[in-house]
Amino acid sequence: MRIHWMRAVTAAAVLAAPVGAMAQVSAAREQTFRERDKNHDGVLTLEEYGGHPGNSAASSRPASRAS
């Protein structure tokens, strides 16, 4: 019975480690987004993005045409 308990604890520790790391990455991304979103509208323009235009998702969408 003790072996099953130790296996359960080990499995929980192994599964919990990546969750903690992912939470840190997510928090860092959110902080970076808030710093770049100057007008706080929830959208990064190319000016706010500040990176290479080829790296933004907006540049991979086709331009919309006004009718």
PDB file of N, CA and C in Angstrom:
ATOM      1  N   MET A   1       0.815  -1.191   0.000  1.00  0.00           N
ATOM      2  CA  MET A   1       0.000   0.000   0.000  1.00  0.00           C
ATOM      3  C   MET A   1       0.858   1.254   0.000  1.00  0.00           C
ATOM      4  N   ARG A   2       1.962   1.206   0.717  1.00  0.00           N
ATOM      5  CA  ARG A   2       2.855   2.357   0.806  1.00  0.00           C
ATOM      6  C   ARG A   2       3.478   2.660  -0.556  1.00  0.00           C
ATOM      7  N   ILE A   3       3.756   1.632  -1.345  1.00  0.00           N
ATOM      8  CA  ILE A   3       4.357   1.823  -2.665  1.00  0.00           C
ATOM      9  C   ILE A   3       3.378   2.566  -3.576  1.00  0.00           C
ATOM     10  N   HIS A   4       2.103   2.240  -3.521  1.00  0.00           N
ATOM     11  CA  HIS A   4       1.111   2.927  -4.346  1.00  0.00           C
ATOM     12  C   HIS A   4       1.023   4.400  -3.977  1.00  0.00           C
ATOM     13  N   TRP A   5       1.089   4.700  -2.706  1.00  0.00           N
ATOM     14  CA  TRP A   5       1.048   6.080  -2.239  1.00  0.00           C
ATOM     15  C   TRP A   5       2.258   6.847  -2.749  1.00  0.00           C
ATOM     16  N   MET A   6       3.441   6.230  -2.703  1.00  0.00           N
ATOM     17  CA  MET A   6       4.663   6.887  -3.171  1.00  0.00           C
ATOM     18  C   MET A   6       4.612   7.101  -4.680  1.00  0.00           C
ATOM     19  N   ARG A   7       4.058   6.153  -5.404  1.00  0.00           N
ATOM     20  CA  ARG A   7       3.909   6.324  -6.854  1.00  0.00           C
ATOM     21  C   ARG A   7       2.960   7.478  -7.166  1.00  0.00           C
ATOM     22  N   ALA A   8       1.894   7.574  -6.406  1.00  0.00           N
ATOM     23  CA  ALA A   8       0.934   8.652  -6.623  1.00  0.00           C
ATOM     24  C   ALA A   8       1.565  10.014  -6.351  1.00  0.00           C
ATOM     25  N   VAL A   9       2.342  10.106  -5.285  1.00  0.00           N
ATOM     26  CA  VAL A   9       3.006  11.366  -4.950  1.00  0.00           C
ATOM     27  C   VAL A   9       4.029  11.722  -6.018  1.00  0.00           C
ATOM     28  N   THR A  10       4.792  10.751  -6.472  1.00  0.00           N
ATOM     29  CA  THR A  10       5.794  10.992  -7.522  1.00  0.00           C
ATOM     30  C   THR A  10       5.114  11.435  -8.813  1.00  0.00           C
ATOM     31  N   ALA A  11       4.039  10.772  -9.190  1.00  0.00           N
ATOM     32  CA  ALA A  11       3.316  11.143 -10.411  1.00  0.00           C
ATOM     33  C   ALA A  11       2.760  12.554 -10.302  1.00  0.00           C
ATOM     34  N   ALA A  12       2.223  12.905  -9.153  1.00  0.00           N
ATOM     35  CA  ALA A  12       1.681  14.251  -8.968  1.00  0.00           C
ATOM     36  C   ALA A  12       2.781  15.301  -9.086  1.00  0.00           C
ATOM     37  N   ALA A  13       3.948  15.027  -8.523  1.00  0.00           N
ATOM     38  CA  ALA A  13       5.062  15.979  -8.599  1.00  0.00           C
ATOM     39  C   ALA A  13       5.542  16.140 -10.035  1.00  0.00           C
ATOM     40  N   VAL A  14       5.625  15.051 -10.769  1.00  0.00           N
ATOM     41  CA  VAL A  14       6.087  15.098 -12.160  1.00  0.00           C
ATOM     42  C   VAL A  14       5.091  15.869 -13.025  1.00  0.00           C
ATOM     43  N   LEU A  15       3.813  15.693 -12.775  1.00  0.00           N
ATOM     44  CA  LEU A  15       2.795  16.373 -13.569  1.00  0.00           C
ATOM     45  C   LEU A  15       2.626  17.839 -13.170  1.00  0.00           C
ATOM     46  N   ALA A  16       2.923  18.183 -11.926  1.00  0.00           N
ATOM     47  CA  ALA A  16       2.737  19.557 -11.457  1.00  0.00           C
ATOM     48  C   ALA A  16       3.879  20.476 -11.884  1.00  0.00           C
ATOM     49  N   ALA A  17       5.062  19.963 -12.093  1.00  0.00           N
ATOM     50  CA  ALA A  17       6.215  20.799 -12.441  1.00  0.00           C
ATOM     51  C   ALA A  17       6.000  21.593 -13.734  1.00  0.00           C
ATOM     52  N   PRO A  18       5.563  20.981 -14.823  1.00  0.00           N
ATOM     53  CA  PRO A  18       5.343  21.771 -16.050  1.00  0.00           C
ATOM     54  C   PRO A  18       4.236  22.804 -15.910  1.00  0.00           C
ATOM     55  N   VAL A  19       3.248  22.534 -15.080  1.00  0.00           N
ATOM     56  CA  VAL A  19       2.146  23.478 -14.888  1.00  0.00           C
ATOM     57  C   VAL A  19       2.676  24.774 -14.276  1.00  0.00           C
ATOM     58  N   GLY A  20       3.565  24.659 -13.292  1.00  0.00           N
ATOM     59  CA  GLY A  20       4.159  25.845 -12.680  1.00  0.00           C
ATOM     60  C   GLY A  20       4.991  26.640 -13.665  1.00  0.00           C
ATOM     61  N   ALA A  21       5.751  25.948 -14.494  1.00  0.00           N
ATOM     62  CA  ALA A  21       6.579  26.626 -15.494  1.00  0.00           C
ATOM     63  C   ALA A  21       5.716  27.327 -16.535  1.00  0.00           C
ATOM     64  N   MET A  22       4.636  26.684 -16.953  1.00  0.00           N
ATOM     65  CA  MET A  22       3.742  27.292 -17.943  1.00  0.00           C
ATOM     66  C   MET A  22       3.068  28.529 -17.375  1.00  0.00           C
ATOM     67  N   ALA A  23       2.735  28.517 -16.096  1.00  0.00           N
ATOM     68  CA  ALA A  23       2.109  29.682 -15.473  1.00  0.00           C
ATOM     69  C   ALA A  23       3.066  30.869 -15.471  1.00  0.00           C
ATOM     70  N   GLN A  24       4.356  30.617 -15.252  1.00  0.00           N
ATOM     71  CA  GLN A  24       5.344  31.689 -15.266  1.00  0.00           C
ATOM     72  C   GLN A  24       5.485  32.277 -16.668  1.00  0.00           C
ATOM     73  N   VAL A  25       5.511  31.419 -17.675  1.00  0.00           N
ATOM     74  CA  VAL A  25       5.617  31.883 -19.064  1.00  0.00           C
ATOM     75  C   VAL A  25       4.392  32.705 -19.429  1.00  0.00           C
ATOM     76  N   SER A  26       3.223  32.231 -19.043  1.00  0.00           N
ATOM     77  CA  SER A  26       1.986  32.943 -19.348  1.00  0.00           C
ATOM     78  C   SER A  26       1.961  34.317 -18.677  1.00  0.00           C
ATOM     79  N   ALA A  27       2.396  34.383 -17.434  1.00  0.00           N
ATOM     80  CA  ALA A  27       2.418  35.667 -16.719  1.00  0.00           C
ATOM     81  C   ALA A  27       3.396  36.637 -17.378  1.00  0.00           C
ATOM     82  N   ALA A  28       4.531  36.127 -17.830  1.00  0.00           N
ATOM     83  CA  ALA A  28       5.521  36.984 -18.492  1.00  0.00           C
ATOM     84  C   ALA A  28       4.974  37.514 -19.819  1.00  0.00           C
ATOM     85  N   ARG A  29       4.266  36.685 -20.562  1.00  0.00           N
ATOM     86  CA  ARG A  29       3.669  37.131 -21.832  1.00  0.00           C
ATOM     87  C   ARG A  29       2.601  38.187 -21.600  1.00  0.00           C
ATOM     88  N   GLU A  30       1.779  37.982 -20.576  1.00  0.00           N
ATOM     89  CA  GLU A  30       0.741  38.965 -20.271  1.00  0.00           C
ATOM     90  C   GLU A  30       1.360  40.305 -19.881  1.00  0.00           C
ATOM     91  N   GLN A  31       2.424  40.263 -19.099  1.00  0.00           N
ATOM     92  CA  GLN A  31       3.098  41.494 -18.679  1.00  0.00           C
ATOM     93  C   GLN A  31       3.676  42.217 -19.895  1.00  0.00           C
ATOM     94  N   THR A  32       4.307  41.480 -20.804  1.00  0.00           N
ATOM     95  CA  THR A  32       4.872  42.076 -22.018  1.00  0.00           C
ATOM     96  C   THR A  32       3.770  42.702 -22.864  1.00  0.00           C
ATOM     97  N   PHE A  33       2.643  42.004 -22.980  1.00  0.00           N
ATOM     98  CA  PHE A  33       1.527  42.543 -23.753  1.00  0.00           C
ATOM     99  C   PHE A  33       1.032  43.846 -23.138  1.00  0.00           C
ATOM    100  N   ARG A  34       0.834  43.866 -21.814  1.00  0.00           N
ATOM    101  CA  ARG A  34       0.350  45.087 -21.150  1.00  0.00           C
ATOM    102  C   ARG A  34       1.327  46.244 -21.330  1.00  0.00           C
ATOM    103  N   GLU A  35       2.619  45.958 -21.311  1.00  0.00           N
ATOM    104  CA  GLU A  35       3.619  47.016 -21.497  1.00  0.00           C
ATOM    105  C   GLU A  35       3.572  47.578 -22.913  1.00  0.00           C
ATOM    106  N   ARG A  36       3.324  46.742 -23.893  1.00  0.00           N
ATOM    107  CA  ARG A  36       3.307  47.191 -25.291  1.00  0.00           C
ATOM    108  C   ARG A  36       1.989  47.852 -25.690  1.00  0.00           C
ATOM    109  N   ASP A  37       0.886  47.449 -25.068  1.00  0.00           N
ATOM    110  CA  ASP A  37      -0.440  47.984 -25.411  1.00  0.00           C
ATOM    111  C   ASP A  37      -0.596  49.372 -24.794  1.00  0.00           C
ATOM    112  N   LYS A  38      -0.058  50.367 -25.459  1.00  0.00           N
ATOM    113  CA  LYS A  38       0.000  51.734 -24.919  1.00  0.00           C
ATOM    114  C   LYS A  38      -1.372  52.355 -24.683  1.00  0.00           C
ATOM    115  N   ASN A  39      -2.331  52.098 -25.571  1.00  0.00           N
ATOM    116  CA  ASN A  39      -3.653  52.712 -25.414  1.00  0.00           C
ATOM    117  C   ASN A  39      -4.635  51.784 -24.690  1.00  0.00           C
ATOM    118  N   HIS A  40      -4.190  50.634 -24.246  1.00  0.00           N
ATOM    119  CA  HIS A  40      -4.973  49.689 -23.434  1.00  0.00           C
ATOM    120  C   HIS A  40      -6.295  49.295 -24.078  1.00  0.00           C
ATOM    121  N   ASP A  41      -6.242  49.059 -25.401  1.00  0.00           N
ATOM    122  CA  ASP A  41      -7.455  48.625 -26.086  1.00  0.00           C
ATOM    123  C   ASP A  41      -7.494  47.108 -26.279  1.00  0.00           C
ATOM    124  N   GLY A  42      -6.468  46.407 -25.806  1.00  0.00           N
ATOM    125  CA  GLY A  42      -6.441  44.955 -25.922  1.00  0.00           C
ATOM    126  C   GLY A  42      -5.947  44.451 -27.262  1.00  0.00           C
ATOM    127  N   VAL A  43      -5.473  45.362 -28.110  1.00  0.00           N
ATOM    128  CA  VAL A  43      -4.977  45.017 -29.436  1.00  0.00           C
ATOM    129  C   VAL A  43      -3.631  45.696 -29.634  1.00  0.00           C
ATOM    130  N   LEU A  44      -2.661  44.947 -30.160  1.00  0.00           N
ATOM    131  CA  LEU A  44      -1.367  45.554 -30.476  1.00  0.00           C
ATOM    132  C   LEU A  44      -1.344  45.967 -31.935  1.00  0.00           C
ATOM    133  N   THR A  45      -1.132  47.240 -32.166  1.00  0.00           N
ATOM    134  CA  THR A  45      -0.928  47.716 -33.532  1.00  0.00           C
ATOM    135  C   THR A  45       0.530  47.452 -33.890  1.00  0.00           C
ATOM    136  N   LEU A  46       0.880  47.627 -35.156  1.00  0.00           N
ATOM    137  CA  LEU A  46       2.274  47.428 -35.551  1.00  0.00           C
ATOM    138  C   LEU A  46       3.198  48.398 -34.821  1.00  0.00           C
ATOM    139  N   GLU A  47       2.709  49.605 -34.551  1.00  0.00           N
ATOM    140  CA  GLU A  47       3.523  50.581 -33.821  1.00  0.00           C
ATOM    141  C   GLU A  47       3.749  50.128 -32.384  1.00  0.00           C
ATOM    142  N   GLU A  48       2.714  49.584 -31.748  1.00  0.00           N
ATOM    143  CA  GLU A  48       2.837  49.110 -30.375  1.00  0.00           C
ATOM    144  C   GLU A  48       3.656  47.823 -30.302  1.00  0.00           C
ATOM    145  N   TYR A  49       3.540  46.996 -31.331  1.00  0.00           N
ATOM    146  CA  TYR A  49       4.237  45.712 -31.345  1.00  0.00           C
ATOM    147  C   TYR A  49       5.742  45.913 -31.212  1.00  0.00           C
ATOM    148  N   GLY A  50       6.290  46.806 -31.986  1.00  0.00           N
ATOM    149  CA  GLY A  50       7.694  47.168 -31.859  1.00  0.00           C
ATOM    150  C   GLY A  50       8.682  46.158 -32.396  1.00  0.00           C
ATOM    151  N   GLY A  51       8.210  45.021 -32.845  1.00  0.00           N
ATOM    152  CA  GLY A  51       9.097  44.011 -33.398  1.00  0.00           C
ATOM    153  C   GLY A  51       9.152  44.096 -34.907  1.00  0.00           C
ATOM    154  N   HIS A  52       9.751  43.117 -35.503  1.00  0.00           N
ATOM    155  CA  HIS A  52       9.821  43.042 -36.959  1.00  0.00           C
ATOM    156  C   HIS A  52       8.422  42.758 -37.492  1.00  0.00           C
ATOM    157  N   PRO A  53       7.941  43.511 -38.473  1.00  0.00           N
ATOM    158  CA  PRO A  53       6.581  43.310 -38.978  1.00  0.00           C
ATOM    159  C   PRO A  53       6.318  41.894 -39.476  1.00  0.00           C
ATOM    160  N   GLY A  54       7.329  41.208 -39.927  1.00  0.00           N
ATOM    161  CA  GLY A  54       7.152  39.839 -40.399  1.00  0.00           C
ATOM    162  C   GLY A  54       6.845  38.861 -39.281  1.00  0.00           C
ATOM    163  N   ASN A  55       7.051  39.265 -38.029  1.00  0.00           N
ATOM    164  CA  ASN A  55       6.794  38.382 -36.900  1.00  0.00           C
ATOM    165  C   ASN A  55       5.408  38.551 -36.308  1.00  0.00           C
ATOM    166  N   SER A  56       4.626  39.482 -36.783  1.00  0.00           N
ATOM    167  CA  SER A  56       3.301  39.691 -36.203  1.00  0.00           C
ATOM    168  C   SER A  56       2.266  38.872 -36.951  1.00  0.00           C
ATOM    169  N   ALA A  57       1.259  38.415 -36.245  1.00  0.00           N
ATOM    170  CA  ALA A  57       0.185  37.635 -36.867  1.00  0.00           C
ATOM    171  C   ALA A  57      -0.625  38.496 -37.825  1.00  0.00           C
ATOM    172  N   ALA A  58      -0.682  39.795 -37.570  1.00  0.00           N
ATOM    173  CA  ALA A  58      -1.470  40.685 -38.424  1.00  0.00           C
ATOM    174  C   ALA A  58      -0.937  40.712 -39.845  1.00  0.00           C
ATOM    175  N   SER A  59       0.364  40.561 -40.008  1.00  0.00           N
ATOM    176  CA  SER A  59       0.932  40.634 -41.349  1.00  0.00           C
ATOM    177  C   SER A  59       0.655  39.378 -42.161  1.00  0.00           C
ATOM    178  N   SER A  60       0.251  38.275 -41.505  1.00  0.00           N
ATOM    179  CA  SER A  60       0.001  37.040 -42.238  1.00  0.00           C
ATOM    180  C   SER A  60      -1.439  36.950 -42.747  1.00  0.00           C
ATOM    181  N   ARG A  61      -2.296  37.902 -42.319  1.00  0.00           N
ATOM    182  CA  ARG A  61      -3.672  37.905 -42.804  1.00  0.00           C
ATOM    183  C   ARG A  61      -3.761  38.746 -44.075  1.00  0.00           C
ATOM    184  N   PRO A  62      -4.617  38.347 -44.989  1.00  0.00           N
ATOM    185  CA  PRO A  62      -4.780  39.161 -46.187  1.00  0.00           C
ATOM    186  C   PRO A  62      -5.432  40.495 -45.826  1.00  0.00           C
ATOM    187  N   ALA A  63      -5.049  41.508 -46.529  1.00  0.00           N
ATOM    188  CA  ALA A  63      -5.609  42.853 -46.279  1.00  0.00           C
ATOM    189  C   ALA A  63      -7.082  42.855 -46.663  1.00  0.00           C
ATOM    190  N   SER A  64      -7.883  43.480 -45.813  1.00  0.00           N
ATOM    191  CA  SER A  64      -9.316  43.555 -46.125  1.00  0.00           C
ATOM    192  C   SER A  64      -9.529  44.669 -47.141  1.00  0.00           C
ATOM    193  N   ARG A  65     -10.481  44.456 -48.000  1.00  0.00           N
ATOM    194  CA  ARG A  65     -10.781  45.441 -49.040  1.00  0.00           C
ATOM    195  C   ARG A  65     -12.060  46.158 -48.708  1.00  0.00           C
ATOM    196  N   ALA A  66     -12.028  47.460 -48.768  1.00  0.00           N
ATOM    197  CA  ALA A  66     -13.235  48.250 -48.539  1.00  0.00           C
ATOM    198  C   ALA A  66     -14.073  48.233 -49.806  1.00  0.00           C
ATOM    199  N   SER A  67     -15.350  47.951 -49.672  1.00  0.00           N
ATOM    200  CA  SER A  67     -16.244  47.894 -50.842  1.00  0.00           C
ATOM    201  C   SER A  67     -16.987  49.187 -51.013  1.00  0.00           C
TER     202      SER A  67
END
